[in-house]
Amino acid sequence: MPRRAALDALTAALASAGAARDWVALDRAVGALSAQLRVLAASGPWSPAEKRALEALRAQHDKAAELCAAELELLGAQMHEMHANKAGFIAYALDNEPDTERNQA
């Protein structure tokens, strides 16, 4: 596969995983970047079109990092809320626990 097409495919993989909020696919795509870029770079100097494709890949990677940071912030807020309301969650769970002694058939 030509290098530009490979770079475009890497960019598309990051974009589609991010758009779908598919964290597993995004992790795989980001994790593969380093090795794949080393292989592509070993083919010699980058052409101007390949450099533009690299810039697009970098921009998409930055966007994915921002998306992950925003999701991390959201999850942190949810975890904080759950921790702050822990007693209420436990009381609710205990109140709705089935009474196995009264409901034996």
N, C-alpha and C. Protein backbone atom coordinates (compact mmCIF):
# COMPACT_ATOMS: atom_id res chain seq x y z
N MET A 1 0.86 -1.17 0.00
CA MET A 1 0.00 0.00 0.00
C MET A 1 0.90 1.23 0.00
N PRO A 2 0.63 2.17 -0.90
CA PRO A 2 1.41 3.41 -0.90
C PRO A 2 1.32 4.12 0.45
N ARG A 3 2.36 4.85 0.77
CA ARG A 3 2.41 5.50 2.08
C ARG A 3 1.27 6.47 2.32
N ARG A 4 0.92 7.25 1.29
CA ARG A 4 -0.16 8.21 1.50
C ARG A 4 -1.46 7.49 1.81
N ALA A 5 -1.74 6.41 1.10
CA ALA A 5 -2.96 5.64 1.37
C ALA A 5 -2.93 5.04 2.77
N ALA A 6 -1.76 4.59 3.20
CA ALA A 6 -1.63 4.03 4.55
C ALA A 6 -1.87 5.12 5.60
N LEU A 7 -1.34 6.31 5.36
CA LEU A 7 -1.56 7.42 6.29
C LEU A 7 -3.03 7.82 6.32
N ASP A 8 -3.66 7.84 5.16
CA ASP A 8 -5.08 8.16 5.10
C ASP A 8 -5.91 7.10 5.84
N ALA A 9 -5.50 5.84 5.73
CA ALA A 9 -6.22 4.77 6.43
C ALA A 9 -6.06 4.90 7.94
N LEU A 10 -4.87 5.27 8.40
CA LEU A 10 -4.65 5.48 9.83
C LEU A 10 -5.51 6.65 10.33
N THR A 11 -5.56 7.71 9.55
CA THR A 11 -6.37 8.88 9.90
C THR A 11 -7.85 8.50 9.97
N ALA A 12 -8.30 7.74 9.00
CA ALA A 12 -9.70 7.32 8.97
C ALA A 12 -10.04 6.41 10.15
N ALA A 13 -9.11 5.55 10.52
CA ALA A 13 -9.35 4.65 11.67
C ALA A 13 -9.51 5.46 12.95
N LEU A 14 -8.66 6.47 13.13
CA LEU A 14 -8.80 7.32 14.32
C LEU A 14 -10.11 8.08 14.29
N ALA A 15 -10.46 8.62 13.13
CA ALA A 15 -11.68 9.42 13.00
C ALA A 15 -12.93 8.59 13.26
N SER A 16 -12.99 7.41 12.67
CA SER A 16 -14.20 6.59 12.83
C SER A 16 -14.33 6.07 14.25
N ALA A 17 -13.23 5.67 14.87
CA ALA A 17 -13.30 5.19 16.26
C ALA A 17 -13.70 6.32 17.19
N GLY A 18 -13.16 7.50 16.97
CA GLY A 18 -13.51 8.63 17.81
C GLY A 18 -14.96 9.04 17.64
N ALA A 19 -15.42 9.09 16.40
CA ALA A 19 -16.81 9.48 16.13
C ALA A 19 -17.79 8.50 16.76
N ALA A 20 -17.42 7.23 16.77
CA ALA A 20 -18.29 6.19 17.34
C ALA A 20 -18.12 6.06 18.86
N ARG A 21 -17.17 6.80 19.41
CA ARG A 21 -16.84 6.67 20.84
C ARG A 21 -16.51 5.21 21.16
N ASP A 22 -15.84 4.56 20.22
CA ASP A 22 -15.41 3.17 20.38
C ASP A 22 -14.01 3.20 20.99
N TRP A 23 -13.96 3.17 22.31
CA TRP A 23 -12.70 3.36 23.01
C TRP A 23 -11.73 2.22 22.76
N VAL A 24 -12.23 1.02 22.58
CA VAL A 24 -11.35 -0.13 22.30
C VAL A 24 -10.70 0.05 20.93
N ALA A 25 -11.49 0.40 19.92
CA ALA A 25 -10.94 0.62 18.58
C ALA A 25 -9.99 1.81 18.56
N LEU A 26 -10.32 2.84 19.30
CA LEU A 26 -9.45 4.02 19.36
C LEU A 26 -8.13 3.65 20.02
N ASP A 27 -8.19 2.87 21.07
CA ASP A 27 -6.96 2.42 21.74
C ASP A 27 -6.09 1.60 20.79
N ARG A 28 -6.73 0.70 20.04
CA ARG A 28 -5.98 -0.11 19.07
C ARG A 28 -5.34 0.76 18.00
N ALA A 29 -6.11 1.72 17.48
CA ALA A 29 -5.61 2.58 16.41
C ALA A 29 -4.44 3.43 16.89
N VAL A 30 -4.56 4.00 18.07
CA VAL A 30 -3.48 4.83 18.60
C VAL A 30 -2.27 3.96 18.95
N GLY A 31 -2.52 2.79 19.51
CA GLY A 31 -1.43 1.90 19.88
C GLY A 31 -0.62 1.41 18.70
N ALA A 32 -1.25 1.30 17.56
CA ALA A 32 -0.56 0.82 16.36
C ALA A 32 0.21 1.92 15.63
N LEU A 33 -0.07 3.17 15.94
CA LEU A 33 0.53 4.28 15.19
C LEU A 33 2.05 4.26 15.19
N SER A 34 2.65 4.11 16.34
CA SER A 34 4.10 4.22 16.44
C SER A 34 4.80 3.21 15.53
N ALA A 35 4.42 1.96 15.64
CA ALA A 35 5.06 0.93 14.83
C ALA A 35 4.78 1.14 13.34
N GLN A 36 3.56 1.49 13.01
CA GLN A 36 3.22 1.68 11.60
C GLN A 36 3.94 2.89 11.01
N LEU A 37 4.06 3.96 11.79
CA LEU A 37 4.76 5.14 11.29
C LEU A 37 6.25 4.86 11.11
N ARG A 38 6.84 4.07 11.99
CA ARG A 38 8.26 3.69 11.82
C ARG A 38 8.46 2.92 10.52
N VAL A 39 7.56 1.99 10.25
CA VAL A 39 7.67 1.20 9.02
C VAL A 39 7.54 2.11 7.80
N LEU A 40 6.56 3.00 7.84
CA LEU A 40 6.35 3.91 6.72
C LEU A 40 7.54 4.86 6.54
N ALA A 41 8.09 5.34 7.64
CA ALA A 41 9.22 6.28 7.57
C ALA A 41 10.48 5.62 7.03
N ALA A 42 10.59 4.32 7.19
CA ALA A 42 11.78 3.61 6.73
C ALA A 42 11.88 3.59 5.20
N SER A 43 10.82 3.97 4.52
CA SER A 43 10.81 3.95 3.05
C SER A 43 11.49 5.15 2.43
N GLY A 44 11.98 6.06 3.22
CA GLY A 44 12.70 7.21 2.68
C GLY A 44 12.00 8.52 3.00
N PRO A 45 12.47 9.59 2.37
CA PRO A 45 11.91 10.92 2.64
C PRO A 45 10.44 11.00 2.26
N TRP A 46 9.72 11.85 2.98
CA TRP A 46 8.30 12.05 2.74
C TRP A 46 8.10 13.03 1.58
N SER A 47 7.17 12.73 0.71
CA SER A 47 6.79 13.65 -0.37
C SER A 47 5.91 14.75 0.22
N PRO A 48 5.72 15.86 -0.50
CA PRO A 48 4.82 16.90 0.00
C PRO A 48 3.41 16.37 0.29
N ALA A 49 2.87 15.51 -0.56
CA ALA A 49 1.53 14.95 -0.33
C ALA A 49 1.53 14.07 0.92
N GLU A 50 2.60 13.32 1.12
CA GLU A 50 2.69 12.48 2.31
C GLU A 50 2.82 13.34 3.58
N LYS A 51 3.53 14.45 3.47
CA LYS A 51 3.65 15.36 4.61
C LYS A 51 2.29 15.95 4.97
N ARG A 52 1.49 16.26 3.97
CA ARG A 52 0.13 16.76 4.24
C ARG A 52 -0.71 15.68 4.91
N ALA A 53 -0.54 14.44 4.45
CA ALA A 53 -1.26 13.32 5.05
C ALA A 53 -0.80 13.11 6.50
N LEU A 54 0.48 13.29 6.75
CA LEU A 54 1.00 13.20 8.11
C LEU A 54 0.42 14.29 9.00
N GLU A 55 0.29 15.50 8.45
CA GLU A 55 -0.30 16.61 9.20
C GLU A 55 -1.77 16.31 9.53
N ALA A 56 -2.47 15.73 8.58
CA ALA A 56 -3.88 15.36 8.82
C ALA A 56 -3.98 14.28 9.89
N LEU A 57 -3.06 13.33 9.84
CA LEU A 57 -3.02 12.28 10.86
C LEU A 57 -2.74 12.89 12.24
N ARG A 58 -1.80 13.80 12.28
CA ARG A 58 -1.47 14.46 13.56
C ARG A 58 -2.68 15.23 14.10
N ALA A 59 -3.38 15.94 13.21
CA ALA A 59 -4.57 16.69 13.63
C ALA A 59 -5.65 15.75 14.16
N GLN A 60 -5.83 14.61 13.49
CA GLN A 60 -6.83 13.65 13.94
C GLN A 60 -6.43 13.02 15.27
N HIS A 61 -5.13 12.78 15.44
CA HIS A 61 -4.63 12.25 16.70
C HIS A 61 -4.86 13.26 17.82
N ASP A 62 -4.61 14.53 17.55
CA ASP A 62 -4.87 15.57 18.55
C ASP A 62 -6.35 15.62 18.90
N LYS A 63 -7.21 15.48 17.89
CA LYS A 63 -8.66 15.49 18.12
C LYS A 63 -9.06 14.30 18.98
N ALA A 64 -8.48 13.14 18.71
CA ALA A 64 -8.77 11.94 19.52
C ALA A 64 -8.31 12.15 20.96
N ALA A 65 -7.16 12.78 21.13
CA ALA A 65 -6.67 13.05 22.49
C ALA A 65 -7.60 14.00 23.23
N GLU A 66 -8.10 15.01 22.54
CA GLU A 66 -9.05 15.95 23.15
C GLU A 66 -10.35 15.23 23.52
N LEU A 67 -10.80 14.36 22.64
CA LEU A 67 -12.01 13.59 22.90
C LEU A 67 -11.84 12.71 24.14
N CYS A 68 -10.69 12.06 24.24
CA CYS A 68 -10.42 11.21 25.41
C CYS A 68 -10.34 12.05 26.68
N ALA A 69 -9.72 13.22 26.60
CA ALA A 69 -9.63 14.09 27.77
C ALA A 69 -11.02 14.55 28.22
N ALA A 70 -11.87 14.89 27.27
CA ALA A 70 -13.23 15.31 27.61
C ALA A 70 -14.01 14.16 28.23
N GLU A 71 -13.85 12.97 27.68
CA GLU A 71 -14.55 11.79 28.23
C GLU A 71 -14.04 11.47 29.63
N LEU A 72 -12.74 11.61 29.83
CA LEU A 72 -12.15 11.37 31.15
C LEU A 72 -12.71 12.37 32.17
N GLU A 73 -12.84 13.62 31.75
CA GLU A 73 -13.41 14.63 32.64
C GLU A 73 -14.86 14.29 33.00
N LEU A 74 -15.63 13.86 31.99
CA LEU A 74 -17.02 13.48 32.22
C LEU A 74 -17.11 12.29 33.18
N LEU A 75 -16.29 11.28 32.94
CA LEU A 75 -16.29 10.11 33.83
C LEU A 75 -15.86 10.48 35.24
N GLY A 76 -14.89 11.38 35.34
CA GLY A 76 -14.46 11.84 36.66
C GLY A 76 -15.60 12.51 37.41
N ALA A 77 -16.37 13.34 36.70
CA ALA A 77 -17.51 14.01 37.33
C ALA A 77 -18.56 12.99 37.76
N GLN A 78 -18.81 11.98 36.92
CA GLN A 78 -19.77 10.94 37.28
C GLN A 78 -19.30 10.14 38.49
N MET A 79 -18.03 9.82 38.52
CA MET A 79 -17.48 9.07 39.66
C MET A 79 -17.57 9.92 40.94
N HIS A 80 -17.29 11.21 40.82
CA HIS A 80 -17.40 12.09 41.98
C HIS A 80 -18.84 12.13 42.49
N GLU A 81 -19.79 12.23 41.57
CA GLU A 81 -21.21 12.25 41.95
C GLU A 81 -21.60 10.94 42.63
N MET A 82 -21.14 9.83 42.07
CA MET A 82 -21.47 8.54 42.67
C MET A 82 -20.87 8.43 44.07
N HIS A 83 -19.65 8.90 44.22
CA HIS A 83 -19.00 8.84 45.54
C HIS A 83 -19.73 9.74 46.53
N ALA A 84 -20.13 10.93 46.07
CA ALA A 84 -20.83 11.87 46.95
C ALA A 84 -22.20 11.33 47.37
N ASN A 85 -22.82 10.53 46.52
CA ASN A 85 -24.16 10.01 46.81
C ASN A 85 -24.14 8.53 47.17
N LYS A 86 -22.99 8.06 47.62
CA LYS A 86 -22.83 6.63 47.93
C LYS A 86 -23.85 6.15 48.96
N ALA A 87 -24.04 6.91 49.99
CA ALA A 87 -24.98 6.49 51.05
C ALA A 87 -26.39 6.37 50.48
N GLY A 88 -26.77 7.28 49.62
CA GLY A 88 -28.09 7.23 49.01
C GLY A 88 -28.25 6.02 48.11
N PHE A 89 -27.22 5.69 47.34
CA PHE A 89 -27.27 4.52 46.46
C PHE A 89 -27.40 3.24 47.28
N ILE A 90 -26.67 3.18 48.40
CA ILE A 90 -26.74 1.98 49.25
C ILE A 90 -28.12 1.87 49.87
N ALA A 91 -28.65 2.98 50.36
CA ALA A 91 -29.99 2.95 50.98
C ALA A 91 -31.04 2.53 49.95
N TYR A 92 -30.92 3.05 48.74
CA TYR A 92 -31.88 2.68 47.69
C TYR A 92 -31.77 1.19 47.38
N ALA A 93 -30.55 0.69 47.28
CA ALA A 93 -30.36 -0.73 46.98
C ALA A 93 -30.91 -1.61 48.08
N LEU A 94 -30.67 -1.23 49.33
CA LEU A 94 -31.17 -2.02 50.45
C LEU A 94 -32.69 -1.97 50.55
N ASP A 95 -33.25 -0.81 50.25
CA ASP A 95 -34.71 -0.66 50.31
C ASP A 95 -35.40 -1.50 49.24
N ASN A 96 -34.73 -1.70 48.11
CA ASN A 96 -35.32 -2.45 47.00
C ASN A 96 -34.85 -3.89 46.94
N GLU A 97 -34.15 -4.32 47.97
CA GLU A 97 -33.66 -5.70 48.01
C GLU A 97 -34.86 -6.62 48.28
N PRO A 98 -34.99 -7.69 47.53
CA PRO A 98 -36.13 -8.60 47.77
C PRO A 98 -35.99 -9.27 49.13
N ASP A 99 -37.11 -9.42 49.81
CA ASP A 99 -37.14 -10.07 51.11
C ASP A 99 -37.28 -11.57 50.87
N THR A 100 -36.17 -12.27 50.94
CA THR A 100 -36.19 -13.70 50.61
C THR A 100 -36.90 -14.53 51.68
N GLU A 101 -36.97 -14.04 52.90
CA GLU A 101 -37.64 -14.83 53.94
C GLU A 101 -39.16 -14.76 53.79
N ARG A 102 -39.70 -13.64 53.37
CA ARG A 102 -41.14 -13.50 53.23
C ARG A 102 -41.65 -14.04 51.90
N ASN A 103 -40.79 -14.10 50.90
CA ASN A 103 -41.25 -14.47 49.56
C ASN A 103 -40.85 -15.88 49.15
N GLN A 104 -40.72 -16.75 50.11
CA GLN A 104 -40.36 -18.12 49.75
C GLN A 104 -41.58 -18.87 49.26
N ALA A 105 -41.42 -19.58 48.19
CA ALA A 105 -42.56 -20.32 47.62
C ALA A 105 -42.60 -21.73 48.13
